[in-house]
């Protein structure tokens, strides 16, 4: 096996004497359930690119304090998540000793670095324990092709006609924890680099740059917490599939059965109308007017921007979102109003091609 790297397992056996027959079936089964070729390039004795990419995502999700290291608590949480049992203090110490003896930069300030984390999983392969790596990958949603499985990204969700989708309290708590994790300077805003870091575990990066004109930002154009929350609420209302996909990449399923725990489906609109009451918190309003009538400035004012702010956005050649969402107070309740515009043709005072979307 040391001469031929492509050979994963070698077992001496005999059909006549039945020597090691059970072992043959065991290793054959393991080769199917826990294939090695997707994880490891034997010629280079290195983990595959896709495997490293997956491990980077797992590391970032488990780095709860976002300091670039896995401390003992985070290592234990990772171990509990995958195997259901904690690591002993001796086991953690031994892992760090192995890293310190095998590579430079694997342990810093008593925490395991990203390079050390990847190296440990390469050691599992070298020692024939590829099932350990597969268990971690599958717990984080990966299939045999090292892509997030379709049913992991998009659990079945039925939204009846006339209903809408909103975030649950659990969903809001999760995205709030992400904001707090990546707001490194604790200024209540996400700078472009902080925003990029937050969504860096998503593949491909799914942050729409138009969003900064759809929600509240500070004077620098950085998204505030209220704007960040509004973005998620808007996305969940308009494109719940994208919300569930992002939640999957961002680690919501680490402590929940699926993203469905973050989504609630409202009852049908006709029932609200009949009972003259609603539990909805998100409402859509359409702004209708001729081109040049001032719809954009009117809508952007809802996110706290004035004429000069809108002009600056246009001069920078950034695309301005056709949606704006912000919160309003109604009878002591926090509601979210989503306004949007479309261009319509007018003829003799009548609107042509008018489509109602409520």
Foldseek 3Di string as FASTA:
>chain_A
DVVDQVDQDDDDADPVVRRCVVVVVVVVVCCVVQPCPLFADSVVLAGDPLLLLLLVLVVCLLPLLPPQFQAQVSQQLLCCLQPVDGDDPVRLVVLVVVLVVPDPPQADPRTGGSVVSRVVQSVCSVVSNSVSSVSSQVSLQQDPNSDRDPCQLDPDDDADPQKFKFWDPLLVVVVVSLVVSLPVVPPQFQDPVSVCVSQVLAVPRDDDPQLLLAAADDPVSTAGPQSSNQVLGVCRGVPVSVSSNSCSSNCVCSPPVGCVNTMDMFDGPVVCVVVVHGPAQEDEDEDEDAVPPCPSQVQSVVRVDHPVRVVVCVVVVHDHDQKHKGWDADPNDIGIYIYGYDHFDDDPRDTPPDDDDD
